[in-house]
Amino acid sequence: MQLLIVHRDPEMGDALVQMIKNYSRHFCHLVSSEASAMDWARHHQRCDLLLTQLESEGINGLNLGSALSEIFAGLQVLFFPNYSADERRLEIARTKIFPEPIPGDELLAAIERAEQTPPDAPDFFHAADVLQMCSLGCRNGAVQMVKDGRSGLVFLRNGKIVHAETAANRGREALFEIVGWKEVEFAYERSVRPPVETITAPWDEVLIEAINANKEDQKSQRQPA
């Protein structure tokens, strides 16, 4: 695969490149800004995997991932958010979001999963993982999530989940529905504001409740009638 790493810290960027060279057979290039990444893209015909800081000086990882996905079909993305691993409330299996300190074995496993992904497959993220990333990043706006023709919106204010909507539900029920989709495609729009605020619990509590509710629903479906 052809990998592109976008990281402002040259020491961390070089360490990531060296790890990938030492433990995989993939080609890897490092740049330090969003502008440099776009310039790199203009001179290359292929990029299979983008590994980018979520937010840093000269880097907006969400915008960059969206822009490069329009250039390189089938692009997969991994994010390095600007909060520490100790701040996470949820541990998501097969995550694509890696706060520091980055566990090298888990990152390499995610890279290998990307290699095994079919070329035309969507760039899926776990819904709860995306919402945790946006909440810990103190985001405002809305996250649109799509899965198998279904679509939902989750609204945030300073990282707090304040409302959610799907075709069938609103508020907590809509959030539970979206988290139950598990792996989704997502897009973030900073300028969108919630039409109403229906969720008041802390973001981590409501996400944990949504995950547990989904587990109970799956358990009940497996039990014989």
C-alpha atoms as a PDB file:
ATOM      1  CA  MET A   1       0.000   0.000   0.000  1.00  0.00           C
ATOM      2  CA  GLN A   2       0.923   3.656  -0.376  1.00  0.00           C
ATOM      3  CA  LEU A   3       0.607   5.450   2.975  1.00  0.00           C
ATOM      4  CA  LEU A   4       0.680   9.169   3.702  1.00  0.00           C
ATOM      5  CA  ILE A   5       1.397  10.411   7.242  1.00  0.00           C
ATOM      6  CA  VAL A   6       0.498  14.005   8.137  1.00  0.00           C
ATOM      7  CA  HIS A   7       2.015  15.037  11.463  1.00  0.00           C
ATOM      8  CA  ARG A   8       3.256  18.395  12.712  1.00  0.00           C
ATOM      9  CA  ASP A   9       5.832  16.934  15.122  1.00  0.00           C
ATOM     10  CA  PRO A  10       8.825  15.756  13.033  1.00  0.00           C
ATOM     11  CA  GLU A  11      10.076  13.463  15.815  1.00  0.00           C
ATOM     12  CA  MET A  12       6.732  11.676  16.111  1.00  0.00           C
ATOM     13  CA  GLY A  13       6.292  11.605  12.340  1.00  0.00           C
ATOM     14  CA  ASP A  14       9.728  10.084  11.797  1.00  0.00           C
ATOM     15  CA  ALA A  15       9.051   7.488  14.507  1.00  0.00           C
ATOM     16  CA  LEU A  16       5.814   6.456  12.788  1.00  0.00           C
ATOM     17  CA  VAL A  17       7.530   6.189   9.406  1.00  0.00           C
ATOM     18  CA  GLN A  18      10.351   4.102  10.875  1.00  0.00           C
ATOM     19  CA  MET A  19       7.933   1.754  12.622  1.00  0.00           C
ATOM     20  CA  ILE A  20       5.998   1.174   9.416  1.00  0.00           C
ATOM     21  CA  LYS A  21       9.205   0.561   7.457  1.00  0.00           C
ATOM     22  CA  ASN A  22      10.510  -1.834  10.104  1.00  0.00           C
ATOM     23  CA  TYR A  23       7.363  -3.898  10.547  1.00  0.00           C
ATOM     24  CA  SER A  24       5.554  -3.769   7.212  1.00  0.00           C
ATOM     25  CA  ARG A  25       6.246  -3.775   3.504  1.00  0.00           C
ATOM     26  CA  HIS A  26       4.248  -0.625   2.760  1.00  0.00           C
ATOM     27  CA  PHE A  27       5.508   2.552   1.103  1.00  0.00           C
ATOM     28  CA  CYS A  28       5.250   5.548   3.397  1.00  0.00           C
ATOM     29  CA  HIS A  29       5.664   9.316   3.002  1.00  0.00           C
ATOM     30  CA  LEU A  30       5.614  12.006   5.709  1.00  0.00           C
ATOM     31  CA  VAL A  31       4.467  15.635   5.419  1.00  0.00           C
ATOM     32  CA  SER A  32       3.916  18.208   8.160  1.00  0.00           C
ATOM     33  CA  SER A  33       0.860  20.166   6.990  1.00  0.00           C
ATOM     34  CA  GLU A  34      -2.459  19.933   5.199  1.00  0.00           C
ATOM     35  CA  ALA A  35      -1.121  22.109   2.362  1.00  0.00           C
ATOM     36  CA  SER A  36       1.874  19.801   1.918  1.00  0.00           C
ATOM     37  CA  ALA A  37      -0.439  16.794   1.835  1.00  0.00           C
ATOM     38  CA  MET A  38      -2.535  18.334  -0.929  1.00  0.00           C
ATOM     39  CA  ASP A  39       0.631  19.178  -2.871  1.00  0.00           C
ATOM     40  CA  TRP A  40       1.809  15.579  -2.445  1.00  0.00           C
ATOM     41  CA  ALA A  41      -1.546  14.356  -3.739  1.00  0.00           C
ATOM     42  CA  ARG A  42      -1.176  16.404  -6.921  1.00  0.00           C
ATOM     43  CA  HIS A  43       2.023  14.536  -7.749  1.00  0.00           C
ATOM     44  CA  HIS A  44       0.930  10.996  -6.927  1.00  0.00           C
ATOM     45  CA  GLN A  45      -1.564   8.707  -8.582  1.00  0.00           C
ATOM     46  CA  ARG A  46      -2.259   6.523  -5.573  1.00  0.00           C
ATOM     47  CA  CYS A  47      -2.851   6.759  -1.838  1.00  0.00           C
ATOM     48  CA  ASP A  48      -4.422   3.852   0.014  1.00  0.00           C
ATOM     49  CA  LEU A  49      -4.211   5.003   3.628  1.00  0.00           C
ATOM     50  CA  LEU A  50      -4.006   8.441   5.254  1.00  0.00           C
ATOM     51  CA  LEU A  51      -2.709   8.686   8.823  1.00  0.00           C
ATOM     52  CA  THR A  52      -3.272  12.237  10.029  1.00  0.00           C
ATOM     53  CA  GLN A  53      -3.415  14.366  13.117  1.00  0.00           C
ATOM     54  CA  LEU A  54      -7.001  15.333  13.791  1.00  0.00           C
ATOM     55  CA  GLU A  55      -6.130  18.916  14.628  1.00  0.00           C
ATOM     56  CA  SER A  56      -2.859  20.829  14.789  1.00  0.00           C
ATOM     57  CA  GLU A  57      -1.318  24.001  13.403  1.00  0.00           C
ATOM     58  CA  GLY A  58      -1.856  23.837   9.646  1.00  0.00           C
ATOM     59  CA  ILE A  59      -3.747  20.528   9.896  1.00  0.00           C
ATOM     60  CA  ASN A  60      -7.483  19.848   9.923  1.00  0.00           C
ATOM     61  CA  GLY A  61      -7.648  16.080   9.655  1.00  0.00           C
ATOM     62  CA  LEU A  62     -11.377  15.872   8.972  1.00  0.00           C
ATOM     63  CA  ASN A  63     -11.169  18.331   6.084  1.00  0.00           C
ATOM     64  CA  LEU A  64      -8.031  16.675   4.739  1.00  0.00           C
ATOM     65  CA  GLY A  65      -9.538  13.200   4.835  1.00  0.00           C
ATOM     66  CA  SER A  66     -12.598  14.437   2.952  1.00  0.00           C
ATOM     67  CA  ALA A  67     -10.525  16.275   0.330  1.00  0.00           C
ATOM     68  CA  LEU A  68      -8.152  13.377  -0.327  1.00  0.00           C
ATOM     69  CA  SER A  69     -11.051  10.910  -0.509  1.00  0.00           C
ATOM     70  CA  GLU A  70     -12.300  12.824  -3.546  1.00  0.00           C
ATOM     71  CA  ILE A  71      -8.885  12.409  -5.200  1.00  0.00           C
ATOM     72  CA  PHE A  72      -8.053   8.817  -4.239  1.00  0.00           C
ATOM     73  CA  ALA A  73     -10.882   6.303  -4.606  1.00  0.00           C
ATOM     74  CA  GLY A  74     -11.129   3.838  -1.733  1.00  0.00           C
ATOM     75  CA  LEU A  75      -8.941   5.886   0.616  1.00  0.00           C
ATOM     76  CA  GLN A  76      -8.978   4.713   4.241  1.00  0.00           C
ATOM     77  CA  VAL A  77      -8.172   7.122   7.091  1.00  0.00           C
ATOM     78  CA  LEU A  78      -6.693   6.785  10.593  1.00  0.00           C
ATOM     79  CA  PHE A  79      -6.739   9.733  13.006  1.00  0.00           C
ATOM     80  CA  PHE A  80      -4.316  10.911  15.700  1.00  0.00           C
ATOM     81  CA  PRO A  81      -6.482  13.134  17.953  1.00  0.00           C
ATOM     82  CA  ASN A  82      -5.147  15.913  20.173  1.00  0.00           C
ATOM     83  CA  TYR A  83      -6.186  14.344  23.490  1.00  0.00           C
ATOM     84  CA  SER A  84      -4.335  11.658  25.409  1.00  0.00           C
ATOM     85  CA  ALA A  85      -5.223   7.984  25.599  1.00  0.00           C
ATOM     86  CA  ASP A  86      -5.912   8.428  29.328  1.00  0.00           C
ATOM     87  CA  GLU A  87      -8.864  10.711  28.522  1.00  0.00           C
ATOM     88  CA  ARG A  88     -10.791   8.047  26.633  1.00  0.00           C
ATOM     89  CA  ARG A  89     -13.942   6.747  28.318  1.00  0.00           C
ATOM     90  CA  LEU A  90     -14.639   3.980  25.785  1.00  0.00           C
ATOM     91  CA  GLU A  91     -12.300   1.298  24.464  1.00  0.00           C
ATOM     92  CA  ILE A  92     -13.454   0.428  20.951  1.00  0.00           C
ATOM     93  CA  ALA A  93     -12.284  -2.794  19.315  1.00  0.00           C
ATOM     94  CA  ARG A  94     -10.611  -2.391  15.916  1.00  0.00           C
ATOM     95  CA  THR A  95     -10.402   1.365  16.399  1.00  0.00           C
ATOM     96  CA  LYS A  96      -9.120   3.750  13.735  1.00  0.00           C
ATOM     97  CA  ILE A  97      -8.493   6.576  16.215  1.00  0.00           C
ATOM     98  CA  PHE A  98      -5.154   6.614  18.054  1.00  0.00           C
ATOM     99  CA  PRO A  99      -4.435   9.181  20.793  1.00  0.00           C
ATOM    100  CA  GLU A 100      -0.933   9.304  22.243  1.00  0.00           C
ATOM    101  CA  PRO A 101       0.812   7.294  23.506  1.00  0.00           C
ATOM    102  CA  ILE A 102       0.104   5.329  20.347  1.00  0.00           C
ATOM    103  CA  PRO A 103       0.220   1.534  20.827  1.00  0.00           C
ATOM    104  CA  GLY A 104       2.388   0.397  17.940  1.00  0.00           C
ATOM    105  CA  ASP A 105       0.919  -3.101  17.692  1.00  0.00           C
ATOM    106  CA  GLU A 106      -2.647  -1.770  17.483  1.00  0.00           C
ATOM    107  CA  LEU A 107      -1.680   0.808  14.864  1.00  0.00           C
ATOM    108  CA  LEU A 108       0.078  -1.827  12.754  1.00  0.00           C
ATOM    109  CA  ALA A 109      -2.983  -4.079  13.064  1.00  0.00           C
ATOM    110  CA  ALA A 110      -5.205  -1.231  11.812  1.00  0.00           C
ATOM    111  CA  ILE A 111      -2.860  -0.698   8.864  1.00  0.00           C
ATOM    112  CA  GLU A 112      -3.048  -4.381   7.976  1.00  0.00           C
ATOM    113  CA  ARG A 113      -6.861  -4.311   8.214  1.00  0.00           C
ATOM    114  CA  ALA A 114      -6.836  -1.401   5.778  1.00  0.00           C
ATOM    115  CA  GLU A 115      -4.737  -3.482   3.384  1.00  0.00           C
ATOM    116  CA  GLN A 116      -7.324  -6.270   3.521  1.00  0.00           C
ATOM    117  CA  THR A 117     -10.222  -3.893   2.823  1.00  0.00           C
ATOM    118  CA  PRO A 118     -11.630  -4.225  -0.725  1.00  0.00           C
ATOM    119  CA  PRO A 119     -10.661  -1.283  -2.974  1.00  0.00           C
ATOM    120  CA  ASP A 120     -14.240  -0.049  -3.338  1.00  0.00           C
ATOM    121  CA  ALA A 121     -15.233  -0.474   0.330  1.00  0.00           C
ATOM    122  CA  PRO A 122     -16.511   2.518   2.334  1.00  0.00           C
ATOM    123  CA  ASP A 123     -14.261   4.061   4.986  1.00  0.00           C
ATOM    124  CA  PHE A 124     -16.105   2.744   8.041  1.00  0.00           C
ATOM    125  CA  PHE A 125     -15.647   3.973  11.626  1.00  0.00           C
ATOM    126  CA  HIS A 126     -17.436   2.802  14.758  1.00  0.00           C
ATOM    127  CA  ALA A 127     -20.158   5.365  15.504  1.00  0.00           C
ATOM    128  CA  ALA A 128     -19.345   5.523  19.232  1.00  0.00           C
ATOM    129  CA  ASP A 129     -15.638   5.985  18.464  1.00  0.00           C
ATOM    130  CA  VAL A 130     -16.368   8.962  16.194  1.00  0.00           C
ATOM    131  CA  LEU A 131     -18.611  10.564  18.804  1.00  0.00           C
ATOM    132  CA  GLN A 132     -16.018  10.036  21.520  1.00  0.00           C
ATOM    133  CA  MET A 133     -13.404  11.692  19.277  1.00  0.00           C
ATOM    134  CA  CYS A 134     -15.665  14.681  18.632  1.00  0.00           C
ATOM    135  CA  SER A 135     -16.665  15.001  22.283  1.00  0.00           C
ATOM    136  CA  LEU A 136     -13.108  14.852  23.638  1.00  0.00           C
ATOM    137  CA  GLY A 137     -12.121  17.307  20.920  1.00  0.00           C
ATOM    138  CA  CYS A 138     -14.774  19.744  22.252  1.00  0.00           C
ATOM    139  CA  ARG A 139     -16.402  19.985  18.828  1.00  0.00           C
ATOM    140  CA  ASN A 140     -19.403  22.107  17.895  1.00  0.00           C
ATOM    141  CA  GLY A 141     -21.704  21.308  14.997  1.00  0.00           C
ATOM    142  CA  ALA A 142     -23.150  18.074  13.658  1.00  0.00           C
ATOM    143  CA  VAL A 143     -21.899  14.639  12.684  1.00  0.00           C
ATOM    144  CA  GLN A 144     -23.810  12.898   9.911  1.00  0.00           C
ATOM    145  CA  MET A 145     -23.624   9.107   9.991  1.00  0.00           C
ATOM    146  CA  VAL A 146     -24.718   6.773   7.205  1.00  0.00           C
ATOM    147  CA  LYS A 147     -25.137   2.993   7.144  1.00  0.00           C
ATOM    148  CA  ASP A 148     -26.938   0.858   4.524  1.00  0.00           C
ATOM    149  CA  GLY A 149     -29.143   3.683   3.296  1.00  0.00           C
ATOM    150  CA  ARG A 150     -29.972   4.890   6.798  1.00  0.00           C
ATOM    151  CA  SER A 151     -28.837   8.329   7.907  1.00  0.00           C
ATOM    152  CA  GLY A 152     -28.647  10.113  11.233  1.00  0.00           C
ATOM    153  CA  LEU A 153     -27.391  13.361  12.717  1.00  0.00           C
ATOM    154  CA  VAL A 154     -25.766  13.896  16.102  1.00  0.00           C
ATOM    155  CA  PHE A 155     -25.408  17.493  17.312  1.00  0.00           C
ATOM    156  CA  LEU A 156     -22.658  18.708  19.636  1.00  0.00           C
ATOM    157  CA  ARG A 157     -22.029  21.832  21.670  1.00  0.00           C
ATOM    158  CA  ASN A 158     -18.523  22.216  23.133  1.00  0.00           C
ATOM    159  CA  GLY A 159     -18.142  18.441  22.939  1.00  0.00           C
ATOM    160  CA  LYS A 160     -21.449  17.689  24.651  1.00  0.00           C
ATOM    161  CA  ILE A 161     -23.947  15.553  22.746  1.00  0.00           C
ATOM    162  CA  VAL A 162     -27.145  17.625  22.880  1.00  0.00           C
ATOM    163  CA  HIS A 163     -29.444  16.110  20.228  1.00  0.00           C
ATOM    164  CA  ALA A 164     -29.748  13.323  17.668  1.00  0.00           C
ATOM    165  CA  GLU A 165     -32.121  12.580  14.799  1.00  0.00           C
ATOM    166  CA  THR A 166     -32.857   9.690  12.454  1.00  0.00           C
ATOM    167  CA  ALA A 167     -35.785   9.062  10.128  1.00  0.00           C
ATOM    168  CA  ALA A 168     -37.557   7.151  12.905  1.00  0.00           C
ATOM    169  CA  ASN A 169     -36.370   8.717  16.169  1.00  0.00           C
ATOM    170  CA  ARG A 170     -35.245  11.864  17.955  1.00  0.00           C
ATOM    171  CA  GLY A 171     -33.181  12.478  21.081  1.00  0.00           C
ATOM    172  CA  ARG A 172     -31.732   9.579  23.064  1.00  0.00           C
ATOM    173  CA  GLU A 173     -33.643   6.980  21.021  1.00  0.00           C
ATOM    174  CA  ALA A 174     -32.075   8.312  17.834  1.00  0.00           C
ATOM    175  CA  LEU A 175     -28.605   8.224  19.407  1.00  0.00           C
ATOM    176  CA  PHE A 176     -29.173   4.646  20.551  1.00  0.00           C
ATOM    177  CA  GLU A 177     -30.261   3.734  17.019  1.00  0.00           C
ATOM    178  CA  ILE A 178     -27.160   5.317  15.448  1.00  0.00           C
ATOM    179  CA  VAL A 179     -24.741   3.671  17.897  1.00  0.00           C
ATOM    180  CA  GLY A 180     -26.477   0.381  17.130  1.00  0.00           C
ATOM    181  CA  TRP A 181     -25.432   0.687  13.490  1.00  0.00           C
ATOM    182  CA  LYS A 182     -21.857   0.225  14.755  1.00  0.00           C
ATOM    183  CA  GLU A 183     -19.668   0.831  11.686  1.00  0.00           C
ATOM    184  CA  VAL A 184     -20.697   3.898   9.705  1.00  0.00           C
ATOM    185  CA  GLU A 185     -19.461   6.432   7.209  1.00  0.00           C
ATOM    186  CA  PHE A 186     -19.419   9.915   8.689  1.00  0.00           C
ATOM    187  CA  ALA A 187     -19.068  13.576   7.807  1.00  0.00           C
ATOM    188  CA  TYR A 188     -18.627  16.536  10.141  1.00  0.00           C
ATOM    189  CA  GLU A 189     -20.126  19.992   9.629  1.00  0.00           C
ATOM    190  CA  ARG A 190     -19.001  22.626  12.097  1.00  0.00           C
ATOM    191  CA  SER A 191     -21.527  25.328  11.165  1.00  0.00           C
ATOM    192  CA  VAL A 192     -24.714  23.307  11.808  1.00  0.00           C
ATOM    193  CA  ARG A 193     -26.619  24.060  15.020  1.00  0.00           C
ATOM    194  CA  PRO A 194     -29.112  21.764  16.797  1.00  0.00           C
ATOM    195  CA  PRO A 195     -32.798  22.596  16.168  1.00  0.00           C
ATOM    196  CA  VAL A 196     -33.497  21.628  19.790  1.00  0.00           C
ATOM    197  CA  GLU A 197     -31.513  20.168  22.714  1.00  0.00           C
ATOM    198  CA  THR A 198     -32.990  16.868  23.893  1.00  0.00           C
ATOM    199  CA  ILE A 199     -30.013  15.150  25.570  1.00  0.00           C
ATOM    200  CA  THR A 200     -28.738  16.444  28.905  1.00  0.00           C
ATOM    201  CA  ALA A 201     -26.611  13.576  30.277  1.00  0.00           C
ATOM    202  CA  PRO A 202     -22.806  13.730  29.996  1.00  0.00           C
ATOM    203  CA  TRP A 203     -21.615  12.463  26.610  1.00  0.00           C
ATOM    204  CA  ASP A 204     -19.771   9.454  28.024  1.00  0.00           C
ATOM    205  CA  GLU A 205     -22.750   8.325  30.113  1.00  0.00           C
ATOM    206  CA  VAL A 206     -25.162   8.507  27.206  1.00  0.00           C
ATOM    207  CA  LEU A 207     -22.764   6.653  24.873  1.00  0.00           C
ATOM    208  CA  ILE A 208     -22.158   3.900  27.425  1.00  0.00           C
ATOM    209  CA  GLU A 209     -25.927   3.617  27.910  1.00  0.00           C
ATOM    210  CA  ALA A 210     -26.404   3.389  24.131  1.00  0.00           C
ATOM    211  CA  ILE A 211     -23.770   0.652  23.805  1.00  0.00           C
ATOM    212  CA  ASN A 212     -25.241  -1.337  26.696  1.00  0.00           C
ATOM    213  CA  ALA A 213     -28.770  -0.976  25.311  1.00  0.00           C
ATOM    214  CA  ASN A 214     -27.576  -2.287  21.957  1.00  0.00           C
ATOM    215  CA  LYS A 215     -25.908  -5.281  23.648  1.00  0.00           C
ATOM    216  CA  GLU A 216     -29.103  -6.097  25.527  1.00  0.00           C
ATOM    217  CA  ASP A 217     -31.121  -5.814  22.326  1.00  0.00           C
ATOM    218  CA  GLN A 218     -28.775  -8.193  20.525  1.00  0.00           C
ATOM    219  CA  LYS A 219     -28.882 -10.614  23.452  1.00  0.00           C
ATOM    220  CA  SER A 220     -32.691 -10.670  23.453  1.00  0.00           C
ATOM    221  CA  GLN A 221     -32.751 -11.288  19.692  1.00  0.00           C
ATOM    222  CA  ARG A 222     -30.482 -14.342  20.085  1.00  0.00           C
ATOM    223  CA  GLN A 223     -32.648 -15.922  22.753  1.00  0.00           C
ATOM    224  CA  PRO A 224     -35.178 -18.497  21.485  1.00  0.00           C
ATOM    225  CA  ALA A 225     -38.832 -17.445  21.550  1.00  0.00           C
END
